[in-house]
Amino acid sequence: PRQGDTPMIMVGPGTGVAPFRAFLQERRARGDGGRNWLFF
C-alpha cells in the first residue's frame, strides 16, 4: 500500500511467500506504521 498506515493482509503459501518478504522489508525501510498479517 502507498499509504503507510494502511493494513496489509498477505496469503503466500510455499514460494508464494517471496514477494511478501519483499513487502515487509519495504514497509520497514519506509517506516510504515500499518499493520501486517501473513498467512503462510
PDB file of all heavy atoms in Angstrom:
ATOM      1  N   PRO A   1       0.831  -1.225   0.000  1.00  0.00           N
ATOM      2  CA  PRO A   1       0.000   0.000   0.000  1.00  0.00           C
ATOM      3  C   PRO A   1       0.854   1.259   0.000  1.00  0.00           C
ATOM      4  O   PRO A   1       1.895   1.329   0.669  1.00  0.00           O
ATOM      5  CB  PRO A   1      -0.797  -0.130   1.304  1.00  0.00           C
ATOM      6  CG  PRO A   1      -0.807  -1.589   1.609  1.00  0.00           C
ATOM      7  CD  PRO A   1       0.500  -2.114   1.118  1.00  0.00           C
ATOM      8  N   ARG A   2       0.404   2.258  -0.764  1.00  0.00           N
ATOM      9  CA  ARG A   2       1.144   3.516  -0.815  1.00  0.00           C
ATOM     10  C   ARG A   2       1.072   4.256   0.519  1.00  0.00           C
ATOM     11  O   ARG A   2       2.038   4.869   0.948  1.00  0.00           O
ATOM     12  CB  ARG A   2       0.581   4.406  -1.926  1.00  0.00           C
ATOM     13  CG  ARG A   2       0.841   3.880  -3.325  1.00  0.00           C
ATOM     14  CD  ARG A   2       0.309   4.848  -4.366  1.00  0.00           C
ATOM     15  NE  ARG A   2       0.564   4.374  -5.733  1.00  0.00           N
ATOM     16  CZ  ARG A   2       0.202   5.025  -6.818  1.00  0.00           C
ATOM     17  NH1 ARG A   2      -0.450   6.194  -6.701  1.00  0.00           N
ATOM     18  NH2 ARG A   2       0.461   4.543  -8.020  1.00  0.00           N
ATOM     19  N   GLN A   3      -0.100   4.198   1.144  1.00  0.00           N
ATOM     20  CA  GLN A   3      -0.262   4.859   2.439  1.00  0.00           C
ATOM     21  C   GLN A   3       0.340   3.973   3.529  1.00  0.00           C
ATOM     22  O   GLN A   3      -0.038   2.819   3.686  1.00  0.00           O
ATOM     23  CB  GLN A   3      -1.742   5.129   2.740  1.00  0.00           C
ATOM     24  CG  GLN A   3      -2.368   6.219   1.884  1.00  0.00           C
ATOM     25  CD  GLN A   3      -2.588   5.790   0.439  1.00  0.00           C
ATOM     26  OE1 GLN A   3      -2.861   4.625   0.171  1.00  0.00           O
ATOM     27  NE2 GLN A   3      -2.443   6.731  -0.487  1.00  0.00           N
ATOM     28  N   GLY A   4       1.255   4.554   4.266  1.00  0.00           N
ATOM     29  CA  GLY A   4       1.991   3.770   5.243  1.00  0.00           C
ATOM     30  C   GLY A   4       1.161   3.222   6.374  1.00  0.00           C
ATOM     31  O   GLY A   4       1.559   2.235   7.012  1.00  0.00           O
ATOM     32  N   ASP A   5      -0.021   3.799   6.646  1.00  0.00           N
ATOM     33  CA  ASP A   5      -0.834   3.328   7.759  1.00  0.00           C
ATOM     34  C   ASP A   5      -1.905   2.336   7.318  1.00  0.00           C
ATOM     35  O   ASP A   5      -2.721   1.893   8.128  1.00  0.00           O
ATOM     36  CB  ASP A   5      -1.492   4.507   8.477  1.00  0.00           C
ATOM     37  CG  ASP A   5      -2.377   5.344   7.556  1.00  0.00           C
ATOM     38  OD1 ASP A   5      -2.332   5.118   6.323  1.00  0.00           O
ATOM     39  OD2 ASP A   5      -3.100   6.213   8.071  1.00  0.00           O
ATOM     40  N   THR A   6      -1.935   1.950   6.037  1.00  0.00           N
ATOM     41  CA  THR A   6      -2.939   1.017   5.538  1.00  0.00           C
ATOM     42  C   THR A   6      -2.608  -0.405   5.983  1.00  0.00           C
ATOM     43  O   THR A   6      -1.488  -0.871   5.775  1.00  0.00           O
ATOM     44  CB  THR A   6      -3.004   1.057   4.001  1.00  0.00           C
ATOM     45  OG1 THR A   6      -3.343   2.380   3.584  1.00  0.00           O
ATOM     46  CG2 THR A   6      -4.042   0.080   3.475  1.00  0.00           C
ATOM     47  N   PRO A   7      -3.558  -1.133   6.571  1.00  0.00           N
ATOM     48  CA  PRO A   7      -3.302  -2.534   6.939  1.00  0.00           C
ATOM     49  C   PRO A   7      -3.095  -3.394   5.688  1.00  0.00           C
ATOM     50  O   PRO A   7      -3.636  -3.095   4.612  1.00  0.00           O
ATOM     51  CB  PRO A   7      -4.570  -2.951   7.701  1.00  0.00           C
ATOM     52  CG  PRO A   7      -5.249  -1.675   8.063  1.00  0.00           C
ATOM     53  CD  PRO A   7      -4.892  -0.685   7.001  1.00  0.00           C
ATOM     54  N   MET A   8      -2.336  -4.475   5.826  1.00  0.00           N
ATOM     55  CA  MET A   8      -1.998  -5.330   4.697  1.00  0.00           C
ATOM     56  C   MET A   8      -2.147  -6.795   5.114  1.00  0.00           C
ATOM     57  O   MET A   8      -1.574  -7.216   6.122  1.00  0.00           O
ATOM     58  CB  MET A   8      -0.564  -5.040   4.243  1.00  0.00           C
ATOM     59  CG  MET A   8      -0.068  -5.883   3.086  1.00  0.00           C
ATOM     60  SD  MET A   8       1.543  -5.309   2.444  1.00  0.00           S
ATOM     61  CE  MET A   8       2.627  -5.656   3.843  1.00  0.00           C
ATOM     62  N   ILE A   9      -2.938  -7.554   4.350  1.00  0.00           N
ATOM     63  CA  ILE A   9      -3.116  -8.988   4.571  1.00  0.00           C
ATOM     64  C   ILE A   9      -2.491  -9.715   3.391  1.00  0.00           C
ATOM     65  O   ILE A   9      -2.804  -9.426   2.232  1.00  0.00           O
ATOM     66  CB  ILE A   9      -4.606  -9.357   4.679  1.00  0.00           C
ATOM     67  CG1 ILE A   9      -5.284  -8.567   5.805  1.00  0.00           C
ATOM     68  CG2 ILE A   9      -4.782 -10.858   4.915  1.00  0.00           C
ATOM     69  CD1 ILE A   9      -6.801  -8.659   5.782  1.00  0.00           C
ATOM     70  N   MET A  10      -1.618 -10.682   3.675  1.00  0.00           N
ATOM     71  CA  MET A  10      -0.879 -11.391   2.629  1.00  0.00           C
ATOM     72  C   MET A  10      -1.095 -12.893   2.775  1.00  0.00           C
ATOM     73  O   MET A  10      -0.908 -13.440   3.861  1.00  0.00           O
ATOM     74  CB  MET A  10       0.614 -11.075   2.733  1.00  0.00           C
ATOM     75  CG  MET A  10       0.955  -9.601   2.634  1.00  0.00           C
ATOM     76  SD  MET A  10       2.592  -9.196   3.356  1.00  0.00           S
ATOM     77  CE  MET A  10       2.218  -9.298   5.121  1.00  0.00           C
ATOM     78  N   VAL A  11      -1.461 -13.555   1.685  1.00  0.00           N
ATOM     79  CA  VAL A  11      -1.629 -15.007   1.664  1.00  0.00           C
ATOM     80  C   VAL A  11      -0.601 -15.558   0.689  1.00  0.00           C
ATOM     81  O   VAL A  11      -0.730 -15.378  -0.527  1.00  0.00           O
ATOM     82  CB  VAL A  11      -3.054 -15.401   1.251  1.00  0.00           C
ATOM     83  CG1 VAL A  11      -3.210 -16.927   1.305  1.00  0.00           C
ATOM     84  CG2 VAL A  11      -4.088 -14.731   2.146  1.00  0.00           C
ATOM     85  N   GLY A  12       0.438 -16.207   1.220  1.00  0.00           N
ATOM     86  CA  GLY A  12       1.526 -16.659   0.368  1.00  0.00           C
ATOM     87  C   GLY A  12       2.093 -17.997   0.802  1.00  0.00           C
ATOM     88  O   GLY A  12       3.174 -18.055   1.381  1.00  0.00           O
ATOM     89  N   PRO A  13       1.395 -19.094   0.525  1.00  0.00           N
ATOM     90  CA  PRO A  13       1.943 -20.406   0.863  1.00  0.00           C
ATOM     91  C   PRO A  13       3.095 -20.791  -0.053  1.00  0.00           C
ATOM     92  O   PRO A  13       3.188 -20.320  -1.192  1.00  0.00           O
ATOM     93  CB  PRO A  13       0.750 -21.345   0.674  1.00  0.00           C
ATOM     94  CG  PRO A  13      -0.105 -20.660  -0.334  1.00  0.00           C
ATOM     95  CD  PRO A  13       0.059 -19.196  -0.091  1.00  0.00           C
ATOM     96  N   GLY A  14       3.968 -21.656   0.434  1.00  0.00           N
ATOM     97  CA  GLY A  14       5.089 -22.123  -0.378  1.00  0.00           C
ATOM     98  C   GLY A  14       5.969 -20.983  -0.835  1.00  0.00           C
ATOM     99  O   GLY A  14       6.235 -20.033  -0.098  1.00  0.00           O
ATOM    100  N   THR A  15       6.420 -21.055  -2.081  1.00  0.00           N
ATOM    101  CA  THR A  15       7.267 -19.992  -2.616  1.00  0.00           C
ATOM    102  C   THR A  15       6.482 -18.713  -2.859  1.00  0.00           C
ATOM    103  O   THR A  15       7.074 -17.682  -3.170  1.00  0.00           O
ATOM    104  CB  THR A  15       7.936 -20.438  -3.929  1.00  0.00           C
ATOM    105  OG1 THR A  15       6.930 -20.847  -4.859  1.00  0.00           O
ATOM    106  CG2 THR A  15       8.890 -21.600  -3.679  1.00  0.00           C
ATOM    107  N   GLY A  16       5.160 -18.769  -2.681  1.00  0.00           N
ATOM    108  CA  GLY A  16       4.348 -17.558  -2.777  1.00  0.00           C
ATOM    109  C   GLY A  16       4.651 -16.553  -1.687  1.00  0.00           C
ATOM    110  O   GLY A  16       4.192 -15.403  -1.751  1.00  0.00           O
ATOM    111  N   VAL A  17       5.446 -16.952  -0.690  1.00  0.00           N
ATOM    112  CA  VAL A  17       5.833 -16.015   0.368  1.00  0.00           C
ATOM    113  C   VAL A  17       6.843 -14.993  -0.141  1.00  0.00           C
ATOM    114  O   VAL A  17       7.045 -13.938   0.490  1.00  0.00           O
ATOM    115  CB  VAL A  17       6.415 -16.787   1.575  1.00  0.00           C
ATOM    116  CG1 VAL A  17       7.821 -17.319   1.264  1.00  0.00           C
ATOM    117  CG2 VAL A  17       6.449 -15.923   2.831  1.00  0.00           C
ATOM    118  N   ALA A  18       7.478 -15.264  -1.280  1.00  0.00           N
ATOM    119  CA  ALA A  18       8.594 -14.435  -1.752  1.00  0.00           C
ATOM    120  C   ALA A  18       8.276 -12.942  -1.819  1.00  0.00           C
ATOM    121  O   ALA A  18       8.983 -12.127  -1.200  1.00  0.00           O
ATOM    122  CB  ALA A  18       9.082 -14.946  -3.103  1.00  0.00           C
ATOM    123  N   PRO A  19       7.235 -12.511  -2.550  1.00  0.00           N
ATOM    124  CA  PRO A  19       7.022 -11.062  -2.644  1.00  0.00           C
ATOM    125  C   PRO A  19       6.627 -10.432  -1.317  1.00  0.00           C
ATOM    126  O   PRO A  19       6.858  -9.234  -1.108  1.00  0.00           O
ATOM    127  CB  PRO A  19       5.901 -10.938  -3.677  1.00  0.00           C
ATOM    128  CG  PRO A  19       5.169 -12.232  -3.591  1.00  0.00           C
ATOM    129  CD  PRO A  19       6.231 -13.261  -3.321  1.00  0.00           C
ATOM    130  N   PHE A  20       6.052 -11.225  -0.414  1.00  0.00           N
ATOM    131  CA  PHE A  20       5.626 -10.654   0.862  1.00  0.00           C
ATOM    132  C   PHE A  20       6.809 -10.439   1.802  1.00  0.00           C
ATOM    133  O   PHE A  20       6.777  -9.551   2.652  1.00  0.00           O
ATOM    134  CB  PHE A  20       4.546 -11.534   1.478  1.00  0.00           C
ATOM    135  CG  PHE A  20       3.362 -11.699   0.554  1.00  0.00           C
ATOM    136  CD1 PHE A  20       2.773 -12.929   0.349  1.00  0.00           C
ATOM    137  CD2 PHE A  20       2.876 -10.612  -0.154  1.00  0.00           C
ATOM    138  CE1 PHE A  20       1.703 -13.069  -0.519  1.00  0.00           C
ATOM    139  CE2 PHE A  20       1.812 -10.736  -1.028  1.00  0.00           C
ATOM    140  CZ  PHE A  20       1.221 -11.977  -1.213  1.00  0.00           C
ATOM    141  N   ARG A  21       7.852 -11.224   1.627  1.00  0.00           N
ATOM    142  CA  ARG A  21       9.117 -10.911   2.309  1.00  0.00           C
ATOM    143  C   ARG A  21       9.603  -9.544   1.832  1.00  0.00           C
ATOM    144  O   ARG A  21      10.048  -8.708   2.629  1.00  0.00           O
ATOM    145  CB  ARG A  21      10.146 -11.994   2.002  1.00  0.00           C
ATOM    146  CG  ARG A  21      11.510 -11.792   2.650  1.00  0.00           C
ATOM    147  CD  ARG A  21      12.404 -12.977   2.329  1.00  0.00           C
ATOM    148  NE  ARG A  21      13.694 -12.893   3.004  1.00  0.00           N
ATOM    149  CZ  ARG A  21      14.821 -12.507   2.435  1.00  0.00           C
ATOM    150  NH1 ARG A  21      14.819 -12.127   1.146  1.00  0.00           N
ATOM    151  NH2 ARG A  21      15.947 -12.475   3.108  1.00  0.00           N
ATOM    152  N   ALA A  22       9.491  -9.305   0.511  1.00  0.00           N
ATOM    153  CA  ALA A  22       9.884  -8.003  -0.033  1.00  0.00           C
ATOM    154  C   ALA A  22       8.980  -6.889   0.480  1.00  0.00           C
ATOM    155  O   ALA A  22       9.457  -5.799   0.817  1.00  0.00           O
ATOM    156  CB  ALA A  22       9.839  -8.059  -1.568  1.00  0.00           C
ATOM    157  N   PHE A  23       7.674  -7.145   0.555  1.00  0.00           N
ATOM    158  CA  PHE A  23       6.739  -6.137   1.047  1.00  0.00           C
ATOM    159  C   PHE A  23       7.078  -5.727   2.480  1.00  0.00           C
ATOM    160  O   PHE A  23       7.065  -4.536   2.821  1.00  0.00           O
ATOM    161  CB  PHE A  23       5.308  -6.679   1.012  1.00  0.00           C
ATOM    162  CG  PHE A  23       4.656  -6.650  -0.346  1.00  0.00           C
ATOM    163  CD1 PHE A  23       5.408  -6.540  -1.506  1.00  0.00           C
ATOM    164  CD2 PHE A  23       3.282  -6.746  -0.461  1.00  0.00           C
ATOM    165  CE1 PHE A  23       4.801  -6.522  -2.748  1.00  0.00           C
ATOM    166  CE2 PHE A  23       2.661  -6.723  -1.705  1.00  0.00           C
ATOM    167  CZ  PHE A  23       3.423  -6.608  -2.848  1.00  0.00           C
ATOM    168  N   LEU A  24       7.368  -6.711   3.322  1.00  0.00           N
ATOM    169  CA  LEU A  24       7.671  -6.409   4.721  1.00  0.00           C
ATOM    170  C   LEU A  24       8.979  -5.625   4.832  1.00  0.00           C
ATOM    171  O   LEU A  24       9.087  -4.686   5.629  1.00  0.00           O
ATOM    172  CB  LEU A  24       7.744  -7.707   5.529  1.00  0.00           C
ATOM    173  CG  LEU A  24       6.397  -8.428   5.711  1.00  0.00           C
ATOM    174  CD1 LEU A  24       6.608  -9.838   6.228  1.00  0.00           C
ATOM    175  CD2 LEU A  24       5.486  -7.638   6.657  1.00  0.00           C
ATOM    176  N   GLN A  25       9.971  -5.996   4.048  1.00  0.00           N
ATOM    177  CA  GLN A  25      11.227  -5.239   4.050  1.00  0.00           C
ATOM    178  C   GLN A  25      10.984  -3.806   3.585  1.00  0.00           C
ATOM    179  O   GLN A  25      11.557  -2.859   4.136  1.00  0.00           O
ATOM    180  CB  GLN A  25      12.247  -5.919   3.136  1.00  0.00           C
ATOM    181  CG  GLN A  25      12.758  -7.253   3.650  1.00  0.00           C
ATOM    182  CD  GLN A  25      13.729  -7.907   2.685  1.00  0.00           C
ATOM    183  OE1 GLN A  25      14.045  -7.350   1.632  1.00  0.00           O
ATOM    184  NE2 GLN A  25      14.214  -9.088   3.033  1.00  0.00           N
ATOM    185  N   GLU A  26      10.138  -3.646   2.575  1.00  0.00           N
ATOM    186  CA  GLU A  26       9.839  -2.321   2.043  1.00  0.00           C
ATOM    187  C   GLU A  26       9.143  -1.460   3.095  1.00  0.00           C
ATOM    188  O   GLU A  26       9.484  -0.290   3.285  1.00  0.00           O
ATOM    189  CB  GLU A  26       8.958  -2.465   0.796  1.00  0.00           C
ATOM    190  CG  GLU A  26       8.585  -1.158   0.131  1.00  0.00           C
ATOM    191  CD  GLU A  26       9.691  -0.589  -0.745  1.00  0.00           C
ATOM    192  OE1 GLU A  26      10.748  -1.242  -0.895  1.00  0.00           O
ATOM    193  OE2 GLU A  26       9.490   0.514  -1.280  1.00  0.00           O
ATOM    194  N   ARG A  27       8.169  -2.024   3.775  1.00  0.00           N
ATOM    195  CA  ARG A  27       7.428  -1.251   4.771  1.00  0.00           C
ATOM    196  C   ARG A  27       8.331  -0.857   5.942  1.00  0.00           C
ATOM    197  O   ARG A  27       8.220   0.247   6.478  1.00  0.00           O
ATOM    198  CB  ARG A  27       6.213  -2.037   5.277  1.00  0.00           C
ATOM    199  CG  ARG A  27       5.199  -2.349   4.195  1.00  0.00           C
ATOM    200  CD  ARG A  27       3.813  -2.599   4.751  1.00  0.00           C
ATOM    201  NE  ARG A  27       3.051  -1.360   4.813  1.00  0.00           N
ATOM    202  CZ  ARG A  27       1.780  -1.287   5.195  1.00  0.00           C
ATOM    203  NH1 ARG A  27       1.138  -2.377   5.578  1.00  0.00           N
ATOM    204  NH2 ARG A  27       1.148  -0.135   5.211  1.00  0.00           N
ATOM    205  N   ARG A  28       9.226  -1.740   6.328  1.00  0.00           N
ATOM    206  CA  ARG A  28      10.166  -1.387   7.392  1.00  0.00           C
ATOM    207  C   ARG A  28      11.084  -0.274   6.938  1.00  0.00           C
ATOM    208  O   ARG A  28      11.333   0.693   7.677  1.00  0.00           O
ATOM    209  CB  ARG A  28      10.974  -2.607   7.810  1.00  0.00           C
ATOM    210  CG  ARG A  28      12.231  -2.267   8.609  1.00  0.00           C
ATOM    211  CD  ARG A  28      12.593  -3.375   9.566  1.00  0.00           C
ATOM    212  NE  ARG A  28      11.677  -3.378  10.714  1.00  0.00           N
ATOM    213  CZ  ARG A  28      11.651  -4.330  11.638  1.00  0.00           C
ATOM    214  NH1 ARG A  28      12.460  -5.367  11.538  1.00  0.00           N
ATOM    215  NH2 ARG A  28      10.822  -4.267  12.641  1.00  0.00           N
ATOM    216  N   ALA A  29      11.611  -0.382   5.721  1.00  0.00           N
ATOM    217  CA  ALA A  29      12.545   0.626   5.224  1.00  0.00           C
ATOM    218  C   ALA A  29      11.867   1.990   5.089  1.00  0.00           C
ATOM    219  O   ALA A  29      12.504   3.028   5.291  1.00  0.00           O
ATOM    220  CB  ALA A  29      13.133   0.188   3.882  1.00  0.00           C
ATOM    221  N   ARG A  30      10.579   2.006   4.751  1.00  0.00           N
ATOM    222  CA  ARG A  30       9.853   3.258   4.602  1.00  0.00           C
ATOM    223  C   ARG A  30       9.370   3.809   5.934  1.00  0.00           C
ATOM    224  O   ARG A  30       8.899   4.951   5.995  1.00  0.00           O
ATOM    225  CB  ARG A  30       8.639   3.049   3.684  1.00  0.00           C
ATOM    226  CG  ARG A  30       9.004   2.710   2.263  1.00  0.00           C
ATOM    227  CD  ARG A  30       7.823   2.764   1.286  1.00  0.00           C
ATOM    228  NE  ARG A  30       6.556   2.257   1.798  1.00  0.00           N
ATOM    229  CZ  ARG A  30       5.582   1.800   1.028  1.00  0.00           C
ATOM    230  NH1 ARG A  30       5.761   1.746  -0.292  1.00  0.00           N
ATOM    231  NH2 ARG A  30       4.444   1.377   1.544  1.00  0.00           N
ATOM    232  N   GLY A  31       9.436   2.993   6.979  1.00  0.00           N
ATOM    233  CA  GLY A  31       8.932   3.431   8.269  1.00  0.00           C
ATOM    234  C   GLY A  31       7.422   3.413   8.360  1.00  0.00           C
ATOM    235  O   GLY A  31       6.833   4.150   9.170  1.00  0.00           O
ATOM    236  N   ASP A  32       6.758   2.561   7.556  1.00  0.00           N
ATOM    237  CA  ASP A  32       5.297   2.491   7.575  1.00  0.00           C
ATOM    238  C   ASP A  32       4.802   1.980   8.926  1.00  0.00           C
ATOM    239  O   ASP A  32       5.412   1.087   9.525  1.00  0.00           O
ATOM    240  CB  ASP A  32       4.796   1.554   6.469  1.00  0.00           C
ATOM    241  CG  ASP A  32       5.052   2.106   5.080  1.00  0.00           C
ATOM    242  OD1 ASP A  32       5.496   3.265   4.975  1.00  0.00           O
ATOM    243  OD2 ASP A  32       4.804   1.381   4.098  1.00  0.00           O
ATOM    244  N   GLY A  33       3.677   2.499   9.351  1.00  0.00           N
ATOM    245  CA  GLY A  33       3.103   2.069  10.624  1.00  0.00           C
ATOM    246  C   GLY A  33       1.914   1.153  10.488  1.00  0.00           C
ATOM    247  O   GLY A  33       1.321   0.739  11.492  1.00  0.00           O
ATOM    248  N   GLY A  34       1.528   0.812   9.240  1.00  0.00           N
ATOM    249  CA  GLY A  34       0.367  -0.039   9.027  1.00  0.00           C
ATOM    250  C   GLY A  34       0.588  -1.448   9.534  1.00  0.00           C
ATOM    251  O   GLY A  34       1.702  -1.971   9.520  1.00  0.00           O
ATOM    252  N   ARG A  35      -0.499  -2.091   9.973  1.00  0.00           N
ATOM    253  CA  ARG A  35      -0.417  -3.460  10.468  1.00  0.00           C
ATOM    254  C   ARG A  35      -0.248  -4.441   9.298  1.00  0.00           C
ATOM    255  O   ARG A  35      -0.733  -4.198   8.191  1.00  0.00           O
ATOM    256  CB  ARG A  35      -1.681  -3.809  11.255  1.00  0.00           C
ATOM    257  CG  ARG A  35      -1.823  -3.056  12.572  1.00  0.00           C
ATOM    258  CD  ARG A  35      -3.196  -3.275  13.176  1.00  0.00           C
ATOM    259  NE  ARG A  35      -4.232  -2.703  12.306  1.00  0.00           N
ATOM    260  CZ  ARG A  35      -5.488  -3.140  12.269  1.00  0.00           C
ATOM    261  NH1 ARG A  35      -5.862  -4.166  13.020  1.00  0.00           N
ATOM    262  NH2 ARG A  35      -6.374  -2.561  11.480  1.00  0.00           N
ATOM    263  N   ASN A  36       0.426  -5.562   9.576  1.00  0.00           N
ATOM    264  CA  ASN A  36       0.733  -6.552   8.539  1.00  0.00           C
ATOM    265  C   ASN A  36       0.370  -7.950   9.042  1.00  0.00           C
ATOM    266  O   ASN A  36       0.745  -8.328  10.152  1.00  0.00           O
ATOM    267  CB  ASN A  36       2.224  -6.510   8.189  1.00  0.00           C
ATOM    268  CG  ASN A  36       2.680  -5.122   7.777  1.00  0.00           C
ATOM    269  OD1 ASN A  36       2.214  -4.587   6.780  1.00  0.00           O
ATOM    270  ND2 ASN A  36       3.571  -4.524   8.549  1.00  0.00           N
ATOM    271  N   TRP A  37      -0.332  -8.709   8.202  1.00  0.00           N
ATOM    272  CA  TRP A  37      -0.804 -10.048   8.563  1.00  0.00           C
ATOM    273  C   TRP A  37      -0.413 -11.000   7.439  1.00  0.00           C
ATOM    274  O   TRP A  37      -0.773 -10.798   6.279  1.00  0.00           O
ATOM    275  CB  TRP A  37      -2.304 -10.007   8.733  1.00  0.00           C
ATOM    276  CG  TRP A  37      -2.954 -11.264   9.253  1.00  0.00           C
ATOM    277  CD1 TRP A  37      -2.403 -12.500   9.419  1.00  0.00           C
ATOM    278  CD2 TRP A  37      -4.328 -11.388   9.665  1.00  0.00           C
ATOM    279  NE1 TRP A  37      -3.326 -13.376   9.909  1.00  0.00           N
ATOM    280  CE2 TRP A  37      -4.519 -12.728  10.077  1.00  0.00           C
ATOM    281  CE3 TRP A  37      -5.402 -10.499   9.714  1.00  0.00           C
ATOM    282  CZ2 TRP A  37      -5.753 -13.204  10.536  1.00  0.00           C
ATOM    283  CZ3 TRP A  37      -6.628 -10.963  10.182  1.00  0.00           C
ATOM    284  CH2 TRP A  37      -6.794 -12.297  10.579  1.00  0.00           C
ATOM    285  N   LEU A  38       0.328 -12.047   7.786  1.00  0.00           N
ATOM    286  CA  LEU A  38       0.772 -13.031   6.798  1.00  0.00           C
ATOM    287  C   LEU A  38       0.196 -14.403   7.101  1.00  0.00           C
ATOM    288  O   LEU A  38       0.309 -14.895   8.224  1.00  0.00           O
ATOM    289  CB  LEU A  38       2.301 -13.113   6.769  1.00  0.00           C
ATOM    290  CG  LEU A  38       2.901 -14.211   5.867  1.00  0.00           C
ATOM    291  CD1 LEU A  38       2.588 -13.959   4.400  1.00  0.00           C
ATOM    292  CD2 LEU A  38       4.425 -14.310   6.073  1.00  0.00           C
ATOM    293  N   PHE A  39      -0.409 -15.025   6.070  1.00  0.00           N
ATOM    294  CA  PHE A  39      -0.790 -16.432   6.110  1.00  0.00           C
ATOM    295  C   PHE A  39       0.240 -17.198   5.283  1.00  0.00           C
ATOM    296  O   PHE A  39       0.405 -16.939   4.086  1.00  0.00           O
ATOM    297  CB  PHE A  39      -2.179 -16.641   5.498  1.00  0.00           C
ATOM    298  CG  PHE A  39      -3.311 -16.085   6.312  1.00  0.00           C
ATOM    299  CD1 PHE A  39      -3.740 -14.774   6.107  1.00  0.00           C
ATOM    300  CD2 PHE A  39      -3.956 -16.854   7.253  1.00  0.00           C
ATOM    301  CE1 PHE A  39      -4.800 -14.254   6.830  1.00  0.00           C
ATOM    302  CE2 PHE A  39      -5.026 -16.344   7.993  1.00  0.00           C
ATOM    303  CZ  PHE A  39      -5.440 -15.038   7.782  1.00  0.00           C
ATOM    304  N   PHE A  40       0.928 -18.146   5.927  1.00  0.00           N
ATOM    305  CA  PHE A  40       1.923 -18.952   5.223  1.00  0.00           C
ATOM    306  C   PHE A  40       1.634 -20.423   5.474  1.00  0.00           C
ATOM    307  O   PHE A  40       1.250 -20.807   6.579  1.00  0.00           O
ATOM    308  CB  PHE A  40       3.348 -18.625   5.686  1.00  0.00           C
ATOM    309  CG  PHE A  40       4.383 -19.566   5.125  1.00  0.00           C
ATOM    310  CD1 PHE A  40       4.804 -19.448   3.812  1.00  0.00           C
ATOM    311  CD2 PHE A  40       4.912 -20.595   5.900  1.00  0.00           C
ATOM    312  CE1 PHE A  40       5.742 -20.326   3.278  1.00  0.00           C
ATOM    313  CE2 PHE A  40       5.851 -21.474   5.383  1.00  0.00           C
ATOM    314  CZ  PHE A  40       6.276 -21.340   4.063  1.00  0.00           C
TER     315      PHE A  40
END
